[in-house]
């Protein structure tokens, strides 16, 4: 099982919105390996994963997009969304993906 969790992101090279797999981030994958090696409880793992995701994706220009109504002219009403904002409501799903992939690698 491959780790996959996609979010919307802007690719400034192609100048397009793309689906971005958060596990393609080297800092995140290195941090996950460290978390798995020091796994204590699920709650501890979840909290440390949340902090790691914040470190990797929160308020970083390359991971921010603006969201608004298609016809909104007032930039004051636009909302900045980063990858962390997109993954936070799914922290339990992401933790499960990581743990399941790790367990599958041990068993297989």
N, C-alpha and C. Protein backbone atom coordinates (compact mmCIF):
# COMPACT_ATOMS: atom_id res chain seq x y z
N UNK A 1 0.85 -1.18 0.00
CA UNK A 1 0.00 0.00 0.00
C UNK A 1 0.89 1.24 0.00
N UNK A 2 0.62 2.11 -0.91
CA UNK A 2 1.39 3.35 -1.02
C UNK A 2 0.66 4.46 -0.27
N UNK A 3 1.43 5.29 0.40
CA UNK A 3 0.83 6.42 1.11
C UNK A 3 0.35 7.45 0.10
N UNK A 4 -0.93 7.79 0.17
CA UNK A 4 -1.49 8.81 -0.73
C UNK A 4 -2.56 9.60 0.01
N UNK A 5 -2.44 10.90 -0.05
CA UNK A 5 -3.50 11.80 0.42
C UNK A 5 -3.36 13.08 -0.38
N UNK A 6 -4.36 13.36 -1.20
CA UNK A 6 -4.28 14.47 -2.13
C UNK A 6 -5.03 15.70 -1.63
N UNK A 7 -4.44 16.85 -1.92
CA UNK A 7 -5.04 18.15 -1.61
C UNK A 7 -4.87 19.04 -2.85
N UNK A 8 -5.60 20.13 -2.89
CA UNK A 8 -5.42 21.09 -3.97
C UNK A 8 -4.22 21.98 -3.68
N UNK A 9 -3.43 22.21 -4.71
CA UNK A 9 -2.29 23.11 -4.59
C UNK A 9 -2.05 23.76 -5.94
N UNK A 10 -1.38 24.89 -5.93
CA UNK A 10 -1.06 25.60 -7.16
C UNK A 10 0.38 25.28 -7.54
N UNK A 11 0.57 24.79 -8.76
CA UNK A 11 1.90 24.52 -9.27
C UNK A 11 2.36 25.75 -10.03
N UNK A 12 3.29 26.50 -9.43
CA UNK A 12 3.71 27.77 -10.04
C UNK A 12 4.55 27.54 -11.30
N UNK A 13 5.09 26.34 -11.50
CA UNK A 13 5.83 26.06 -12.73
C UNK A 13 4.89 25.93 -13.93
N UNK A 14 3.81 25.15 -13.74
CA UNK A 14 2.86 24.97 -14.84
C UNK A 14 1.75 26.02 -14.82
N UNK A 15 1.70 26.80 -13.73
CA UNK A 15 0.68 27.83 -13.54
C UNK A 15 -0.73 27.23 -13.60
N UNK A 16 -0.90 26.10 -12.87
CA UNK A 16 -2.18 25.40 -12.82
C UNK A 16 -2.44 24.88 -11.41
N UNK A 17 -3.71 24.68 -11.11
CA UNK A 17 -4.09 23.97 -9.90
C UNK A 17 -3.84 22.49 -10.15
N UNK A 18 -3.28 21.81 -9.16
CA UNK A 18 -2.99 20.39 -9.28
C UNK A 18 -3.44 19.66 -8.02
N UNK A 19 -3.60 18.37 -8.15
CA UNK A 19 -3.82 17.52 -6.99
C UNK A 19 -2.43 17.12 -6.50
N UNK A 20 -2.12 17.43 -5.25
CA UNK A 20 -0.79 17.23 -4.68
C UNK A 20 -0.87 16.17 -3.59
N UNK A 21 -0.05 15.13 -3.71
CA UNK A 21 0.04 14.10 -2.69
C UNK A 21 0.97 14.60 -1.59
N UNK A 22 0.43 14.80 -0.40
CA UNK A 22 1.24 15.38 0.69
C UNK A 22 2.44 14.51 1.03
N UNK A 23 2.37 13.21 0.73
CA UNK A 23 3.46 12.30 1.06
C UNK A 23 4.63 12.42 0.07
N UNK A 24 4.52 13.31 -0.92
CA UNK A 24 5.64 13.60 -1.81
C UNK A 24 6.58 14.64 -1.20
N UNK A 25 6.27 15.11 -0.01
CA UNK A 25 7.10 16.09 0.68
C UNK A 25 8.17 15.35 1.49
N UNK A 26 9.44 15.60 1.18
CA UNK A 26 10.55 14.89 1.82
C UNK A 26 10.59 15.12 3.33
N UNK A 27 10.36 16.35 3.77
CA UNK A 27 10.37 16.63 5.22
C UNK A 27 9.31 15.82 5.94
N UNK A 28 8.14 15.72 5.31
CA UNK A 28 7.05 14.96 5.93
C UNK A 28 7.41 13.48 6.02
N UNK A 29 7.90 12.89 4.96
CA UNK A 29 8.20 11.46 4.98
C UNK A 29 9.33 11.14 5.96
N UNK A 30 10.33 12.00 6.03
CA UNK A 30 11.41 11.80 7.01
C UNK A 30 10.87 11.91 8.43
N UNK A 31 10.01 12.90 8.65
CA UNK A 31 9.41 13.08 9.98
C UNK A 31 8.52 11.91 10.36
N UNK A 32 7.79 11.37 9.39
CA UNK A 32 6.92 10.22 9.66
C UNK A 32 7.75 9.01 10.06
N UNK A 33 8.86 8.78 9.36
CA UNK A 33 9.73 7.66 9.71
C UNK A 33 10.21 7.77 11.16
N UNK A 34 10.53 8.99 11.57
CA UNK A 34 10.96 9.22 12.95
C UNK A 34 9.80 9.00 13.93
N UNK A 35 8.61 9.47 13.57
CA UNK A 35 7.44 9.26 14.44
C UNK A 35 7.13 7.78 14.61
N UNK A 36 7.18 7.04 13.50
CA UNK A 36 6.88 5.60 13.55
C UNK A 36 7.92 4.88 14.43
N UNK A 37 9.17 5.29 14.31
CA UNK A 37 10.22 4.65 15.10
C UNK A 37 10.03 4.90 16.59
N UNK A 38 9.39 6.01 16.94
CA UNK A 38 9.18 6.37 18.35
C UNK A 38 7.71 6.30 18.76
N UNK A 39 6.94 5.47 18.09
CA UNK A 39 5.50 5.34 18.32
C UNK A 39 5.24 4.87 19.75
N UNK A 40 4.40 5.62 20.48
CA UNK A 40 4.05 5.24 21.85
C UNK A 40 2.56 4.90 21.92
N UNK A 41 1.73 5.91 21.78
CA UNK A 41 0.28 5.69 21.75
C UNK A 41 -0.28 6.39 20.52
N UNK A 42 -1.49 6.00 20.14
CA UNK A 42 -2.11 6.64 18.98
C UNK A 42 -2.28 8.13 19.22
N UNK A 43 -2.72 8.54 20.41
CA UNK A 43 -2.95 9.95 20.71
C UNK A 43 -1.65 10.75 20.61
N UNK A 44 -0.57 10.17 21.12
CA UNK A 44 0.73 10.82 21.04
C UNK A 44 1.18 10.93 19.57
N UNK A 45 1.01 9.85 18.82
CA UNK A 45 1.37 9.84 17.40
C UNK A 45 0.57 10.89 16.64
N UNK A 46 -0.73 10.95 16.91
CA UNK A 46 -1.62 11.90 16.23
C UNK A 46 -1.20 13.34 16.51
N UNK A 47 -0.89 13.65 17.76
CA UNK A 47 -0.49 15.01 18.12
C UNK A 47 0.84 15.39 17.48
N UNK A 48 1.79 14.47 17.49
CA UNK A 48 3.08 14.74 16.87
C UNK A 48 2.96 14.85 15.35
N UNK A 49 2.06 14.05 14.77
CA UNK A 49 1.80 14.14 13.33
C UNK A 49 1.18 15.50 12.99
N UNK A 50 0.27 15.96 13.80
CA UNK A 50 -0.35 17.26 13.60
C UNK A 50 0.72 18.36 13.62
N UNK A 51 1.64 18.29 14.57
CA UNK A 51 2.72 19.27 14.64
C UNK A 51 3.65 19.19 13.43
N UNK A 52 3.92 17.96 12.97
CA UNK A 52 4.76 17.77 11.80
C UNK A 52 4.10 18.34 10.55
N UNK A 53 2.81 18.09 10.40
CA UNK A 53 2.07 18.64 9.25
C UNK A 53 2.08 20.17 9.29
N UNK A 54 1.94 20.73 10.48
CA UNK A 54 1.99 22.18 10.62
C UNK A 54 3.36 22.70 10.21
N UNK A 55 4.40 22.04 10.67
CA UNK A 55 5.77 22.44 10.33
C UNK A 55 6.00 22.40 8.82
N UNK A 56 5.48 21.37 8.16
CA UNK A 56 5.72 21.19 6.73
C UNK A 56 4.87 22.09 5.83
N UNK A 57 3.63 22.37 6.23
CA UNK A 57 2.69 22.98 5.29
C UNK A 57 1.99 24.26 5.74
N UNK A 58 2.11 24.65 6.99
CA UNK A 58 1.34 25.78 7.49
C UNK A 58 1.98 27.10 7.08
N UNK A 59 1.20 27.95 6.46
CA UNK A 59 1.61 29.31 6.09
C UNK A 59 2.92 29.36 5.32
N UNK A 60 3.10 28.45 4.41
CA UNK A 60 4.26 28.48 3.51
C UNK A 60 3.75 28.85 2.13
N UNK A 61 4.33 29.85 1.56
CA UNK A 61 3.85 30.43 0.30
C UNK A 61 3.62 29.40 -0.80
N UNK A 62 4.53 28.42 -0.92
CA UNK A 62 4.39 27.45 -2.00
C UNK A 62 3.23 26.48 -1.80
N UNK A 63 2.62 26.52 -0.60
CA UNK A 63 1.49 25.64 -0.30
C UNK A 63 0.21 26.42 0.01
N UNK A 64 0.13 27.66 -0.46
CA UNK A 64 -1.05 28.49 -0.20
C UNK A 64 -1.78 28.79 -1.50
N UNK A 65 -3.10 28.80 -1.40
CA UNK A 65 -3.96 29.21 -2.52
C UNK A 65 -5.01 30.16 -1.96
N UNK A 66 -5.64 30.90 -2.85
CA UNK A 66 -6.74 31.78 -2.46
C UNK A 66 -8.04 31.17 -2.95
N UNK A 67 -9.06 31.20 -2.10
CA UNK A 67 -10.36 30.66 -2.45
C UNK A 67 -11.40 31.77 -2.33
N UNK A 68 -12.28 31.82 -3.30
CA UNK A 68 -13.33 32.82 -3.29
C UNK A 68 -14.41 32.43 -4.28
N UNK A 69 -15.48 33.14 -4.24
CA UNK A 69 -16.52 33.00 -5.24
C UNK A 69 -15.94 33.43 -6.59
N UNK A 70 -16.35 32.80 -7.65
CA UNK A 70 -15.81 33.10 -8.97
C UNK A 70 -15.95 34.56 -9.35
N UNK A 71 -16.99 35.23 -8.87
CA UNK A 71 -17.26 36.61 -9.28
C UNK A 71 -16.94 37.64 -8.20
N UNK A 72 -16.23 37.23 -7.15
CA UNK A 72 -15.89 38.16 -6.06
C UNK A 72 -14.75 39.08 -6.50
N UNK A 73 -15.01 40.38 -6.48
CA UNK A 73 -14.02 41.38 -6.88
C UNK A 73 -13.21 41.94 -5.71
N UNK A 74 -13.73 41.80 -4.51
CA UNK A 74 -13.09 42.38 -3.34
C UNK A 74 -12.05 41.42 -2.75
N UNK A 75 -10.76 41.70 -2.92
CA UNK A 75 -9.73 40.80 -2.37
C UNK A 75 -9.84 40.62 -0.85
N UNK A 76 -10.47 41.54 -0.16
CA UNK A 76 -10.66 41.42 1.28
C UNK A 76 -11.55 40.25 1.65
N UNK A 77 -12.33 39.77 0.70
CA UNK A 77 -13.23 38.64 0.96
C UNK A 77 -12.64 37.31 0.50
N UNK A 78 -11.46 37.34 -0.08
CA UNK A 78 -10.80 36.10 -0.49
C UNK A 78 -10.26 35.40 0.76
N UNK A 79 -10.21 34.10 0.72
CA UNK A 79 -9.72 33.35 1.87
C UNK A 79 -8.46 32.57 1.49
N UNK A 80 -7.41 32.73 2.29
CA UNK A 80 -6.17 31.99 2.08
C UNK A 80 -6.34 30.59 2.66
N UNK A 81 -6.02 29.60 1.83
CA UNK A 81 -6.08 28.22 2.27
C UNK A 81 -4.72 27.59 1.99
N UNK A 82 -4.15 26.94 3.00
CA UNK A 82 -2.89 26.24 2.77
C UNK A 82 -3.14 24.74 2.91
N UNK A 83 -2.11 23.97 2.65
CA UNK A 83 -2.26 22.52 2.72
C UNK A 83 -2.61 22.09 4.14
N UNK A 84 -2.02 22.72 5.14
CA UNK A 84 -2.34 22.36 6.53
C UNK A 84 -3.83 22.52 6.80
N UNK A 85 -4.41 23.60 6.32
CA UNK A 85 -5.85 23.85 6.48
C UNK A 85 -6.67 22.70 5.87
N UNK A 86 -6.19 22.14 4.76
CA UNK A 86 -6.90 21.06 4.08
C UNK A 86 -6.72 19.71 4.78
N UNK A 87 -5.57 19.48 5.39
CA UNK A 87 -5.32 18.18 6.00
C UNK A 87 -5.81 18.09 7.45
N UNK A 88 -5.87 19.19 8.14
CA UNK A 88 -6.23 19.16 9.56
C UNK A 88 -7.55 18.45 9.86
N UNK A 89 -8.64 18.70 9.10
CA UNK A 89 -9.88 17.97 9.40
C UNK A 89 -9.77 16.47 9.14
N UNK A 90 -8.72 16.06 8.45
CA UNK A 90 -8.53 14.66 8.09
C UNK A 90 -7.37 14.01 8.83
N UNK A 91 -6.97 14.57 9.94
CA UNK A 91 -5.78 14.10 10.66
C UNK A 91 -5.92 12.62 11.05
N UNK A 92 -7.11 12.18 11.44
CA UNK A 92 -7.29 10.78 11.82
C UNK A 92 -7.16 9.85 10.61
N UNK A 93 -7.66 10.28 9.47
CA UNK A 93 -7.55 9.50 8.24
C UNK A 93 -6.08 9.38 7.85
N UNK A 94 -5.35 10.47 7.92
CA UNK A 94 -3.94 10.48 7.55
C UNK A 94 -3.13 9.60 8.51
N UNK A 95 -3.42 9.69 9.79
CA UNK A 95 -2.74 8.85 10.78
C UNK A 95 -3.00 7.37 10.47
N UNK A 96 -4.23 7.04 10.14
CA UNK A 96 -4.58 5.65 9.81
C UNK A 96 -3.84 5.18 8.57
N UNK A 97 -3.76 6.02 7.55
CA UNK A 97 -3.03 5.66 6.32
C UNK A 97 -1.58 5.33 6.67
N UNK A 98 -0.96 6.17 7.48
CA UNK A 98 0.44 5.98 7.85
C UNK A 98 0.63 4.69 8.63
N UNK A 99 -0.21 4.49 9.63
CA UNK A 99 -0.08 3.29 10.47
C UNK A 99 -0.38 2.04 9.66
N UNK A 100 -1.41 2.06 8.83
CA UNK A 100 -1.74 0.89 8.00
C UNK A 100 -0.61 0.56 7.03
N UNK A 101 -0.01 1.57 6.40
CA UNK A 101 1.12 1.34 5.48
C UNK A 101 2.30 0.74 6.23
N UNK A 102 2.55 1.28 7.41
CA UNK A 102 3.67 0.76 8.22
C UNK A 102 3.42 -0.69 8.60
N UNK A 103 2.21 -1.00 9.06
CA UNK A 103 1.89 -2.38 9.46
C UNK A 103 1.95 -3.33 8.27
N UNK A 104 1.52 -2.88 7.11
CA UNK A 104 1.56 -3.71 5.92
C UNK A 104 3.01 -4.01 5.53
N UNK A 105 3.89 -3.02 5.67
CA UNK A 105 5.30 -3.23 5.34
C UNK A 105 5.96 -4.23 6.30
N UNK A 106 5.52 -4.23 7.56
CA UNK A 106 6.07 -5.16 8.55
C UNK A 106 5.60 -6.58 8.23
N UNK A 107 4.31 -6.72 7.94
CA UNK A 107 3.72 -8.04 7.69
C UNK A 107 4.12 -8.61 6.32
N UNK A 108 4.29 -7.71 5.34
CA UNK A 108 4.53 -8.18 3.96
C UNK A 108 5.95 -8.19 3.66
